[in-house]
């Protein structure tokens, strides 16, 4: 979406991506909303589909999916992996950010 010029109202759609959920990635019993989009430095988009779709992916401006994952969790009692619904997801872009997250401190560069 593009913000309107000063003094004008309404948003202008400048790009759209139709994301059709893959059949096996939906967890039917999960409910609610969620999800988020983060623009990455190269202008691609990191997308987290919340609610029942449980899909995380990166798509570029040409609408090509660069990376895709479905978060799962091990259910020990049933001895199987199941889709793990997410409300929102984040991306760690580099080693320094990962170390800061793990150790809660700045790292030497």
PDB file of N, CA and C in Angstrom:
ATOM      1  N   UNK A   1       0.843  -1.165   0.000  1.00  0.00           N
ATOM      2  CA  UNK A   1       0.000   0.000   0.000  1.00  0.00           C
ATOM      3  C   UNK A   1       0.895   1.238   0.000  1.00  0.00           C
ATOM      4  N   UNK A   2       0.410   2.261  -0.599  1.00  0.00           N
ATOM      5  CA  UNK A   2       1.126   3.525  -0.630  1.00  0.00           C
ATOM      6  C   UNK A   2       0.281   4.563   0.084  1.00  0.00           C
ATOM      7  N   UNK A   3       0.916   5.311   0.980  1.00  0.00           N
ATOM      8  CA  UNK A   3       0.196   6.355   1.702  1.00  0.00           C
ATOM      9  C   UNK A   3      -0.190   7.468   0.742  1.00  0.00           C
ATOM     10  N   UNK A   4      -1.321   8.118   1.022  1.00  0.00           N
ATOM     11  CA  UNK A   4      -1.741   9.209   0.149  1.00  0.00           C
ATOM     12  C   UNK A   4      -0.850  10.442   0.317  1.00  0.00           C
ATOM     13  N   UNK A   5      -0.840  11.277  -0.691  1.00  0.00           N
ATOM     14  CA  UNK A   5      -0.101  12.537  -0.597  1.00  0.00           C
ATOM     15  C   UNK A   5      -0.739  13.401   0.492  1.00  0.00           C
ATOM     16  N   UNK A   6       0.007  14.345   0.993  1.00  0.00           N
ATOM     17  CA  UNK A   6      -0.493  15.222   2.056  1.00  0.00           C
ATOM     18  C   UNK A   6      -1.824  15.843   1.641  1.00  0.00           C
ATOM     19  N   UNK A   7      -2.786  15.810   2.552  1.00  0.00           N
ATOM     20  CA  UNK A   7      -4.085  16.407   2.285  1.00  0.00           C
ATOM     21  C   UNK A   7      -5.050  15.518   1.519  1.00  0.00           C
ATOM     22  N   UNK A   8      -4.626  14.348   1.117  1.00  0.00           N
ATOM     23  CA  UNK A   8      -5.509  13.422   0.384  1.00  0.00           C
ATOM     24  C   UNK A   8      -5.836  12.232   1.278  1.00  0.00           C
ATOM     25  N   UNK A   9      -6.922  11.566   0.959  1.00  0.00           N
ATOM     26  CA  UNK A   9      -7.303  10.410   1.770  1.00  0.00           C
ATOM     27  C   UNK A   9      -7.269   9.140   0.928  1.00  0.00           C
ATOM     28  N   UNK A  10      -7.190   8.025   1.611  1.00  0.00           N
ATOM     29  CA  UNK A  10      -7.212   6.733   0.943  1.00  0.00           C
ATOM     30  C   UNK A  10      -5.836   6.193   0.632  1.00  0.00           C
ATOM     31  N   UNK A  11      -5.713   4.871   0.737  1.00  0.00           N
ATOM     32  CA  UNK A  11      -4.480   4.188   0.393  1.00  0.00           C
ATOM     33  C   UNK A  11      -4.556   3.678  -1.035  1.00  0.00           C
ATOM     34  N   UNK A  12      -3.400   3.565  -1.675  1.00  0.00           N
ATOM     35  CA  UNK A  12      -3.336   3.066  -3.043  1.00  0.00           C
ATOM     36  C   UNK A  12      -2.604   1.724  -3.022  1.00  0.00           C
ATOM     37  N   UNK A  13      -3.232   0.707  -3.605  1.00  0.00           N
ATOM     38  CA  UNK A  13      -2.593  -0.608  -3.678  1.00  0.00           C
ATOM     39  C   UNK A  13      -1.547  -0.559  -4.790  1.00  0.00           C
ATOM     40  N   UNK A  14      -0.292  -0.880  -4.450  1.00  0.00           N
ATOM     41  CA  UNK A  14       0.770  -0.848  -5.452  1.00  0.00           C
ATOM     42  C   UNK A  14       1.347  -2.232  -5.739  1.00  0.00           C
ATOM     43  N   UNK A  15       1.002  -3.217  -4.894  1.00  0.00           N
ATOM     44  CA  UNK A  15       1.509  -4.580  -5.082  1.00  0.00           C
ATOM     45  C   UNK A  15       0.589  -5.532  -4.345  1.00  0.00           C
ATOM     46  N   UNK A  16       0.354  -6.682  -4.936  1.00  0.00           N
ATOM     47  CA  UNK A  16      -0.512  -7.666  -4.306  1.00  0.00           C
ATOM     48  C   UNK A  16       0.049  -9.056  -4.563  1.00  0.00           C
ATOM     49  N   UNK A  17      -0.047  -9.907  -3.556  1.00  0.00           N
ATOM     50  CA  UNK A  17       0.415 -11.286  -3.672  1.00  0.00           C
ATOM     51  C   UNK A  17      -0.704 -12.188  -3.188  1.00  0.00           C
ATOM     52  N   UNK A  18      -1.169 -13.074  -4.040  1.00  0.00           N
ATOM     53  CA  UNK A  18      -2.215 -14.016  -3.649  1.00  0.00           C
ATOM     54  C   UNK A  18      -1.552 -15.255  -3.072  1.00  0.00           C
ATOM     55  N   UNK A  19      -1.738 -15.459  -1.795  1.00  0.00           N
ATOM     56  CA  UNK A  19      -1.135 -16.603  -1.118  1.00  0.00           C
ATOM     57  C   UNK A  19      -2.215 -17.642  -0.865  1.00  0.00           C
ATOM     58  N   UNK A  20      -2.124 -18.730  -1.578  1.00  0.00           N
ATOM     59  CA  UNK A  20      -3.080 -19.814  -1.415  1.00  0.00           C
ATOM     60  C   UNK A  20      -2.460 -20.828  -0.460  1.00  0.00           C
ATOM     61  N   UNK A  21      -3.116 -21.074   0.675  1.00  0.00           N
ATOM     62  CA  UNK A  21      -2.544 -22.021   1.643  1.00  0.00           C
ATOM     63  C   UNK A  21      -2.411 -23.419   1.048  1.00  0.00           C
ATOM     64  N   UNK A  22      -1.306 -24.079   1.357  1.00  0.00           N
ATOM     65  CA  UNK A  22      -1.116 -25.466   0.942  1.00  0.00           C
ATOM     66  C   UNK A  22      -2.031 -26.339   1.790  1.00  0.00           C
ATOM     67  N   UNK A  23      -2.645 -27.327   1.194  1.00  0.00           N
ATOM     68  CA  UNK A  23      -3.609 -28.173   1.889  1.00  0.00           C
ATOM     69  C   UNK A  23      -3.113 -28.790   3.171  1.00  0.00           C
ATOM     70  N   UNK A  24      -1.898 -29.288   3.184  1.00  0.00           N
ATOM     71  CA  UNK A  24      -1.398 -29.990   4.366  1.00  0.00           C
ATOM     72  C   UNK A  24      -0.889 -29.084   5.467  1.00  0.00           C
ATOM     73  N   UNK A  25      -0.881 -27.789   5.255  1.00  0.00           N
ATOM     74  CA  UNK A  25      -0.294 -26.893   6.242  1.00  0.00           C
ATOM     75  C   UNK A  25      -1.298 -26.261   7.179  1.00  0.00           C
ATOM     76  N   UNK A  26      -2.576 -26.475   6.955  1.00  0.00           N
ATOM     77  CA  UNK A  26      -3.574 -25.868   7.829  1.00  0.00           C
ATOM     78  C   UNK A  26      -3.864 -26.789   9.004  1.00  0.00           C
ATOM     79  N   UNK A  27      -3.958 -26.199  10.163  1.00  0.00           N
ATOM     80  CA  UNK A  27      -4.335 -26.953  11.358  1.00  0.00           C
ATOM     81  C   UNK A  27      -5.757 -26.524  11.682  1.00  0.00           C
ATOM     82  N   UNK A  28      -6.706 -27.355  11.361  1.00  0.00           N
ATOM     83  CA  UNK A  28      -8.112 -26.982  11.393  1.00  0.00           C
ATOM     84  C   UNK A  28      -8.614 -26.556  12.764  1.00  0.00           C
ATOM     85  N   UNK A  29      -8.101 -27.146  13.841  1.00  0.00           N
ATOM     86  CA  UNK A  29      -8.638 -26.805  15.151  1.00  0.00           C
ATOM     87  C   UNK A  29      -8.105 -25.480  15.702  1.00  0.00           C
ATOM     88  N   UNK A  30      -7.049 -24.917  15.106  1.00  0.00           N
ATOM     89  CA  UNK A  30      -6.553 -23.634  15.595  1.00  0.00           C
ATOM     90  C   UNK A  30      -7.456 -22.521  15.076  1.00  0.00           C
ATOM     91  N   UNK A  31      -7.572 -21.498  15.853  1.00  0.00           N
ATOM     92  CA  UNK A  31      -8.477 -20.407  15.487  1.00  0.00           C
ATOM     93  C   UNK A  31      -7.786 -19.075  15.711  1.00  0.00           C
ATOM     94  N   UNK A  32      -8.437 -18.028  15.324  1.00  0.00           N
ATOM     95  CA  UNK A  32      -7.921 -16.691  15.582  1.00  0.00           C
ATOM     96  C   UNK A  32      -7.130 -16.151  14.417  1.00  0.00           C
ATOM     97  N   UNK A  33      -6.672 -14.955  14.597  1.00  0.00           N
ATOM     98  CA  UNK A  33      -5.938 -14.278  13.541  1.00  0.00           C
ATOM     99  C   UNK A  33      -4.453 -14.362  13.782  1.00  0.00           C
ATOM    100  N   UNK A  34      -3.797 -13.288  13.443  1.00  0.00           N
ATOM    101  CA  UNK A  34      -2.365 -13.237  13.617  1.00  0.00           C
ATOM    102  C   UNK A  34      -1.667 -13.180  12.286  1.00  0.00           C
ATOM    103  N   UNK A  35      -0.376 -13.208  12.349  1.00  0.00           N
ATOM    104  CA  UNK A  35       0.435 -13.094  11.154  1.00  0.00           C
ATOM    105  C   UNK A  35       1.065 -11.716  11.069  1.00  0.00           C
ATOM    106  N   UNK A  36       2.087 -11.612  10.258  1.00  0.00           N
ATOM    107  CA  UNK A  36       2.755 -10.328  10.082  1.00  0.00           C
ATOM    108  C   UNK A  36       3.620 -10.361   8.827  1.00  0.00           C
ATOM    109  N   UNK A  37       4.059  -9.175   8.414  1.00  0.00           N
ATOM    110  CA  UNK A  37       4.934  -9.030   7.251  1.00  0.00           C
ATOM    111  C   UNK A  37       6.072  -8.097   7.644  1.00  0.00           C
ATOM    112  N   UNK A  38       7.306  -8.502   7.312  1.00  0.00           N
ATOM    113  CA  UNK A  38       8.486  -7.674   7.580  1.00  0.00           C
ATOM    114  C   UNK A  38       9.209  -7.463   6.257  1.00  0.00           C
ATOM    115  N   UNK A  39       9.437  -6.202   5.885  1.00  0.00           N
ATOM    116  CA  UNK A  39      10.219  -5.927   4.672  1.00  0.00           C
ATOM    117  C   UNK A  39      11.698  -6.098   5.001  1.00  0.00           C
ATOM    118  N   UNK A  40      12.381  -6.910   4.210  1.00  0.00           N
ATOM    119  CA  UNK A  40      13.801  -7.174   4.419  1.00  0.00           C
ATOM    120  C   UNK A  40      14.648  -6.155   3.654  1.00  0.00           C
ATOM    121  N   UNK A  41      15.936  -6.029   3.993  1.00  0.00           N
ATOM    122  CA  UNK A  41      16.788  -5.033   3.345  1.00  0.00           C
ATOM    123  C   UNK A  41      16.814  -5.119   1.816  1.00  0.00           C
ATOM    124  N   UNK A  42      16.632  -6.315   1.253  1.00  0.00           N
ATOM    125  CA  UNK A  42      16.649  -6.437  -0.206  1.00  0.00           C
ATOM    126  C   UNK A  42      15.265  -6.210  -0.836  1.00  0.00           C
ATOM    127  N   UNK A  43      14.323  -5.706  -0.073  1.00  0.00           N
ATOM    128  CA  UNK A  43      12.924  -5.412  -0.441  1.00  0.00           C
ATOM    129  C   UNK A  43      12.039  -6.650  -0.555  1.00  0.00           C
ATOM    130  N   UNK A  44      12.573  -7.851  -0.315  1.00  0.00           N
ATOM    131  CA  UNK A  44      11.699  -9.020  -0.265  1.00  0.00           C
ATOM    132  C   UNK A  44      10.904  -8.947   1.039  1.00  0.00           C
ATOM    133  N   UNK A  45       9.883  -9.793   1.153  1.00  0.00           N
ATOM    134  CA  UNK A  45       8.998  -9.748   2.306  1.00  0.00           C
ATOM    135  C   UNK A  45       9.040 -11.068   3.066  1.00  0.00           C
ATOM    136  N   UNK A  46       9.229 -10.981   4.363  1.00  0.00           N
ATOM    137  CA  UNK A  46       9.156 -12.124   5.263  1.00  0.00           C
ATOM    138  C   UNK A  46       7.717 -12.156   5.773  1.00  0.00           C
ATOM    139  N   UNK A  47       6.979 -13.229   5.462  1.00  0.00           N
ATOM    140  CA  UNK A  47       5.549 -13.299   5.764  1.00  0.00           C
ATOM    141  C   UNK A  47       5.279 -14.454   6.712  1.00  0.00           C
ATOM    142  N   UNK A  48       4.541 -14.169   7.757  1.00  0.00           N
ATOM    143  CA  UNK A  48       4.097 -15.189   8.693  1.00  0.00           C
ATOM    144  C   UNK A  48       2.577 -15.228   8.629  1.00  0.00           C
ATOM    145  N   UNK A  49       2.043 -16.365   8.195  1.00  0.00           N
ATOM    146  CA  UNK A  49       0.592 -16.529   8.155  1.00  0.00           C
ATOM    147  C   UNK A  49       0.154 -17.087   9.498  1.00  0.00           C
ATOM    148  N   UNK A  50      -0.592 -16.314  10.237  1.00  0.00           N
ATOM    149  CA  UNK A  50      -1.046 -16.741  11.555  1.00  0.00           C
ATOM    150  C   UNK A  50      -2.325 -17.543  11.463  1.00  0.00           C
ATOM    151  N   UNK A  51      -2.897 -17.784  12.620  1.00  0.00           N
ATOM    152  CA  UNK A  51      -4.144 -18.525  12.652  1.00  0.00           C
ATOM    153  C   UNK A  51      -3.958 -19.958  12.227  1.00  0.00           C
ATOM    154  N   UNK A  52      -4.826 -20.430  11.362  1.00  0.00           N
ATOM    155  CA  UNK A  52      -4.823 -21.857  11.023  1.00  0.00           C
ATOM    156  C   UNK A  52      -3.914 -22.221   9.852  1.00  0.00           C
ATOM    157  N   UNK A  53      -3.240 -21.239   9.210  1.00  0.00           N
ATOM    158  CA  UNK A  53      -2.470 -21.567   8.014  1.00  0.00           C
ATOM    159  C   UNK A  53      -1.021 -21.938   8.296  1.00  0.00           C
ATOM    160  N   UNK A  54      -0.443 -21.451   9.363  1.00  0.00           N
ATOM    161  CA  UNK A  54       0.853 -21.909   9.858  1.00  0.00           C
ATOM    162  C   UNK A  54       1.932 -21.991   8.787  1.00  0.00           C
ATOM    163  N   UNK A  55       2.135 -20.950   8.051  1.00  0.00           N
ATOM    164  CA  UNK A  55       3.140 -20.973   6.990  1.00  0.00           C
ATOM    165  C   UNK A  55       4.000 -19.716   7.115  1.00  0.00           C
ATOM    166  N   UNK A  56       5.300 -19.873   6.968  1.00  0.00           N
ATOM    167  CA  UNK A  56       6.229 -18.751   7.024  1.00  0.00           C
ATOM    168  C   UNK A  56       7.037 -18.798   5.736  1.00  0.00           C
ATOM    169  N   UNK A  57       7.125 -17.653   5.035  1.00  0.00           N
ATOM    170  CA  UNK A  57       7.846 -17.666   3.762  1.00  0.00           C
ATOM    171  C   UNK A  57       8.430 -16.296   3.443  1.00  0.00           C
ATOM    172  N   UNK A  58       9.356 -16.286   2.474  1.00  0.00           N
ATOM    173  CA  UNK A  58       9.935 -15.046   1.954  1.00  0.00           C
ATOM    174  C   UNK A  58       9.587 -14.990   0.477  1.00  0.00           C
ATOM    175  N   UNK A  59       9.027 -13.871   0.048  1.00  0.00           N
ATOM    176  CA  UNK A  59       8.636 -13.683  -1.347  1.00  0.00           C
ATOM    177  C   UNK A  59       9.271 -12.377  -1.836  1.00  0.00           C
ATOM    178  N   UNK A  60       9.738 -12.367  -3.093  1.00  0.00           N
ATOM    179  CA  UNK A  60      10.351 -11.147  -3.627  1.00  0.00           C
ATOM    180  C   UNK A  60       9.331 -10.332  -4.421  1.00  0.00           C
ATOM    181  N   UNK A  61       9.773  -9.180  -4.932  1.00  0.00           N
ATOM    182  CA  UNK A  61       8.873  -8.291  -5.673  1.00  0.00           C
ATOM    183  C   UNK A  61       8.316  -8.932  -6.933  1.00  0.00           C
ATOM    184  N   UNK A  62       9.042  -9.910  -7.486  1.00  0.00           N
ATOM    185  CA  UNK A  62       8.580 -10.615  -8.682  1.00  0.00           C
ATOM    186  C   UNK A  62       7.608 -11.748  -8.314  1.00  0.00           C
ATOM    187  N   UNK A  63       7.251 -11.833  -7.041  1.00  0.00           N
ATOM    188  CA  UNK A  63       6.305 -12.816  -6.506  1.00  0.00           C
ATOM    189  C   UNK A  63       6.849 -14.243  -6.536  1.00  0.00           C
ATOM    190  N   UNK A  64       8.176 -14.362  -6.509  1.00  0.00           N
ATOM    191  CA  UNK A  64       8.821 -15.668  -6.441  1.00  0.00           C
ATOM    192  C   UNK A  64       9.087 -16.000  -4.977  1.00  0.00           C
ATOM    193  N   UNK A  65       8.664 -17.179  -4.541  1.00  0.00           N
ATOM    194  CA  UNK A  65       8.904 -17.609  -3.169  1.00  0.00           C
ATOM    195  C   UNK A  65      10.364 -18.043  -3.062  1.00  0.00           C
ATOM    196  N   UNK A  66      11.118 -17.350  -2.188  1.00  0.00           N
ATOM    197  CA  UNK A  66      12.545 -17.610  -2.030  1.00  0.00           C
ATOM    198  C   UNK A  66      12.817 -18.644  -0.946  1.00  0.00           C
ATOM    199  N   UNK A  67      11.917 -18.736   0.018  1.00  0.00           N
ATOM    200  CA  UNK A  67      12.090 -19.653   1.148  1.00  0.00           C
ATOM    201  C   UNK A  67      10.722 -19.897   1.762  1.00  0.00           C
ATOM    202  N   UNK A  68      10.488 -21.096   2.240  1.00  0.00           N
ATOM    203  CA  UNK A  68       9.197 -21.416   2.837  1.00  0.00           C
ATOM    204  C   UNK A  68       9.391 -22.463   3.922  1.00  0.00           C
ATOM    205  N   UNK A  69       8.654 -22.329   5.027  1.00  0.00           N
ATOM    206  CA  UNK A  69       8.729 -23.306   6.111  1.00  0.00           C
ATOM    207  C   UNK A  69       7.370 -23.414   6.795  1.00  0.00           C
ATOM    208  N   UNK A  70       7.147 -24.556   7.392  1.00  0.00           N
ATOM    209  CA  UNK A  70       5.948 -24.776   8.197  1.00  0.00           C
ATOM    210  C   UNK A  70       6.427 -25.154   9.591  1.00  0.00           C
ATOM    211  N   UNK A  71       6.148 -24.319  10.604  1.00  0.00           N
ATOM    212  CA  UNK A  71       6.600 -24.645  11.958  1.00  0.00           C
ATOM    213  C   UNK A  71       5.877 -25.881  12.483  1.00  0.00           C
ATOM    214  N   UNK A  72       6.642 -26.771  13.082  1.00  0.00           N
ATOM    215  CA  UNK A  72       6.077 -28.011  13.614  1.00  0.00           C
ATOM    216  C   UNK A  72       6.550 -28.224  15.049  1.00  0.00           C
ATOM    217  N   UNK A  73       5.820 -29.070  15.751  1.00  0.00           N
ATOM    218  CA  UNK A  73       6.210 -29.469  17.104  1.00  0.00           C
ATOM    219  C   UNK A  73       6.033 -30.973  17.242  1.00  0.00           C
ATOM    220  N   UNK A  74       6.915 -31.590  18.046  1.00  0.00           N
ATOM    221  CA  UNK A  74       6.860 -33.027  18.262  1.00  0.00           C
ATOM    222  C   UNK A  74       5.831 -33.322  19.350  1.00  0.00           C
ATOM    223  N   UNK A  75       4.877 -34.177  19.043  1.00  0.00           N
ATOM    224  CA  UNK A  75       3.870 -34.610  20.013  1.00  0.00           C
ATOM    225  C   UNK A  75       4.296 -35.999  20.483  1.00  0.00           C
ATOM    226  N   UNK A  76       4.933 -36.032  21.646  1.00  0.00           N
ATOM    227  CA  UNK A  76       5.544 -37.279  22.137  1.00  0.00           C
ATOM    228  C   UNK A  76       4.517 -38.383  22.345  1.00  0.00           C
ATOM    229  N   UNK A  77       3.364 -38.048  22.887  1.00  0.00           N
ATOM    230  CA  UNK A  77       2.350 -39.063  23.152  1.00  0.00           C
ATOM    231  C   UNK A  77       1.864 -39.759  21.894  1.00  0.00           C
ATOM    232  N   UNK A  78       1.844 -39.043  20.794  1.00  0.00           N
ATOM    233  CA  UNK A  78       1.386 -39.613  19.522  1.00  0.00           C
ATOM    234  C   UNK A  78       2.553 -40.003  18.620  1.00  0.00           C
ATOM    235  N   UNK A  79       3.756 -39.671  19.059  1.00  0.00           N
ATOM    236  CA  UNK A  79       4.975 -39.952  18.310  1.00  0.00           C
ATOM    237  C   UNK A  79       4.897 -39.467  16.870  1.00  0.00           C
ATOM    238  N   UNK A  80       4.557 -38.179  16.732  1.00  0.00           N
ATOM    239  CA  UNK A  80       4.492 -37.598  15.396  1.00  0.00           C
ATOM    240  C   UNK A  80       4.670 -36.076  15.471  1.00  0.00           C
ATOM    241  N   UNK A  81       5.027 -35.510  14.339  1.00  0.00           N
ATOM    242  CA  UNK A  81       5.145 -34.070  14.202  1.00  0.00           C
ATOM    243  C   UNK A  81       3.795 -33.504  13.785  1.00  0.00           C
ATOM    244  N   UNK A  82       3.427 -32.357  14.368  1.00  0.00           N
ATOM    245  CA  UNK A  82       2.197 -31.672  13.994  1.00  0.00           C
ATOM    246  C   UNK A  82       2.507 -30.203  13.724  1.00  0.00           C
ATOM    247  N   UNK A  83       1.683 -29.600  12.920  1.00  0.00           N
ATOM    248  CA  UNK A  83       1.812 -28.174  12.633  1.00  0.00           C
ATOM    249  C   UNK A  83       1.662 -27.398  13.936  1.00  0.00           C
ATOM    250  N   UNK A  84       2.533 -26.417  14.162  1.00  0.00           N
ATOM    251  CA  UNK A  84       2.499 -25.582  15.367  1.00  0.00           C
ATOM    252  C   UNK A  84       2.019 -24.186  14.995  1.00  0.00           C
ATOM    253  N   UNK A  85       0.760 -23.864  15.280  1.00  0.00           N
ATOM    254  CA  UNK A  85       0.237 -22.538  14.923  1.00  0.00           C
ATOM    255  C   UNK A  85       1.075 -21.416  15.528  1.00  0.00           C
ATOM    256  N   UNK A  86       1.250 -20.356  14.763  1.00  0.00           N
ATOM    257  CA  UNK A  86       2.022 -19.195  15.194  1.00  0.00           C
ATOM    258  C   UNK A  86       1.127 -17.964  15.159  1.00  0.00           C
ATOM    259  N   UNK A  87       1.301 -17.068  16.111  1.00  0.00           N
ATOM    260  CA  UNK A  87       0.586 -15.794  16.055  1.00  0.00           C
ATOM    261  C   UNK A  87       1.367 -14.815  15.183  1.00  0.00           C
ATOM    262  N   UNK A  88       2.685 -14.795  15.392  1.00  0.00           N
ATOM    263  CA  UNK A  88       3.568 -13.885  14.668  1.00  0.00           C
ATOM    264  C   UNK A  88       4.964 -14.494  14.664  1.00  0.00           C
ATOM    265  N   UNK A  89       5.755 -14.194  13.642  1.00  0.00           N
ATOM    266  CA  UNK A  89       7.122 -14.713  13.574  1.00  0.00           C
ATOM    267  C   UNK A  89       8.077 -13.563  13.263  1.00  0.00           C
ATOM    268  N   UNK A  90       9.322 -13.757  13.600  1.00  0.00           N
ATOM    269  CA  UNK A  90      10.366 -12.770  13.322  1.00  0.00           C
ATOM    270  C   UNK A  90      11.506 -13.463  12.610  1.00  0.00           C
ATOM    271  N   UNK A  91      12.375 -12.668  12.036  1.00  0.00           N
ATOM    272  CA  UNK A  91      13.530 -13.211  11.338  1.00  0.00           C
ATOM    273  C   UNK A  91      14.792 -12.638  11.977  1.00  0.00           C
ATOM    274  N   UNK A  92      15.814 -13.471  12.092  1.00  0.00           N
ATOM    275  CA  UNK A  92      17.108 -13.024  12.590  1.00  0.00           C
ATOM    276  C   UNK A  92      18.003 -12.919  11.365  1.00  0.00           C
ATOM    277  N   UNK A  93      18.423 -11.713  11.045  1.00  0.00           N
ATOM    278  CA  UNK A  93      19.077 -11.447   9.767  1.00  0.00           C
ATOM    279  C   UNK A  93      20.576 -11.726   9.728  1.00  0.00           C
ATOM    280  N   UNK A  94      21.232 -11.823  10.895  1.00  0.00           N
ATOM    281  CA  UNK A  94      22.675 -12.046  10.859  1.00  0.00           C
ATOM    282  C   UNK A  94      23.153 -12.664  12.175  1.00  0.00           C
ATOM    283  N   UNK A  95      24.390 -13.091  12.199  1.00  0.00           N
ATOM    284  CA  UNK A  95      24.975 -13.747  13.371  1.00  0.00           C
ATOM    285  C   UNK A  95      24.970 -12.827  14.586  1.00  0.00           C
ATOM    286  N   UNK A  96      25.255 -11.552  14.380  1.00  0.00           N
ATOM    287  CA  UNK A  96      25.306 -10.611  15.497  1.00  0.00           C
ATOM    288  C   UNK A  96      23.947 -10.484  16.168  1.00  0.00           C
ATOM    289  N   UNK A  97      22.885 -10.422  15.371  1.00  0.00           N
ATOM    290  CA  UNK A  97      21.537 -10.322  15.940  1.00  0.00           C
ATOM    291  C   UNK A  97      21.171 -11.603  16.691  1.00  0.00           C
ATOM    292  N   UNK A  98      21.595 -12.748  16.170  1.00  0.00           N
ATOM    293  CA  UNK A  98      21.331 -14.019  16.835  1.00  0.00           C
ATOM    294  C   UNK A  98      22.042 -14.068  18.182  1.00  0.00           C
ATOM    295  N   UNK A  99      23.311 -13.668  18.210  1.00  0.00           N
ATOM    296  CA  UNK A  99      24.064 -13.674  19.467  1.00  0.00           C
ATOM    297  C   UNK A  99      23.470 -12.697  20.466  1.00  0.00           C
ATOM    298  N   UNK A 100      23.012 -11.566  19.992  1.00  0.00           N
ATOM    299  CA  UNK A 100      22.388 -10.595  20.891  1.00  0.00           C
ATOM    300  C   UNK A 100      21.128 -11.189  21.504  1.00  0.00           C
ATOM    301  N   UNK A 101      20.342 -11.897  20.699  1.00  0.00           N
ATOM    302  CA  UNK A 101      19.136 -12.543  21.205  1.00  0.00           C
ATOM    303  C   UNK A 101      19.482 -13.606  22.246  1.00  0.00           C
ATOM    304  N   UNK A 102      20.468 -14.438  21.954  1.00  0.00           N
ATOM    305  CA  UNK A 102      20.824 -15.535  22.857  1.00  0.00           C
ATOM    306  C   UNK A 102      21.447 -15.009  24.145  1.00  0.00           C
ATOM    307  N   UNK A 103      22.381 -14.101  24.014  1.00  0.00           N
ATOM    308  CA  UNK A 103      23.154 -13.657  25.176  1.00  0.00           C
ATOM    309  C   UNK A 103      22.661 -12.342  25.755  1.00  0.00           C
ATOM    310  N   UNK A 104      21.680 -11.704  25.088  1.00  0.00           N
ATOM    311  CA  UNK A 104      21.107 -10.439  25.552  1.00  0.00           C
ATOM    312  C   UNK A 104      22.182  -9.375  25.758  1.00  0.00           C
ATOM    313  N   UNK A 105      23.108  -9.304  24.814  1.00  0.00           N
ATOM    314  CA  UNK A 105      24.162  -8.303  24.889  1.00  0.00           C
ATOM    315  C   UNK A 105      24.678  -7.995  23.499  1.00  0.00           C
ATOM    316  N   UNK A 106      25.329  -6.881  23.361  1.00  0.00           N
ATOM    317  CA  UNK A 106      25.943  -6.512  22.090  1.00  0.00           C
ATOM    318  C   UNK A 106      27.158  -7.392  21.847  1.00  0.00           C
ATOM    319  N   UNK A 107      27.448  -7.654  20.598  1.00  0.00           N
ATOM    320  CA  UNK A 107      28.628  -8.460  20.257  1.00  0.00           C
ATOM    321  C   UNK A 107      29.663  -7.581  19.576  1.00  0.00           C
ATOM    322  N   UNK A 108      30.915  -8.014  19.641  1.00  0.00           N
ATOM    323  CA  UNK A 108      31.978  -7.297  18.916  1.00  0.00           C
ATOM    324  C   UNK A 108      31.824  -7.603  17.445  1.00  0.00           C
ATOM    325  N   UNK A 109      32.038  -6.596  16.603  1.00  0.00           N
ATOM    326  CA  UNK A 109      31.893  -6.797  15.147  1.00  0.00           C
ATOM    327  C   UNK A 109      33.237  -6.900  14.496  1.00  0.00           C
TER     328      UNK A 109
END
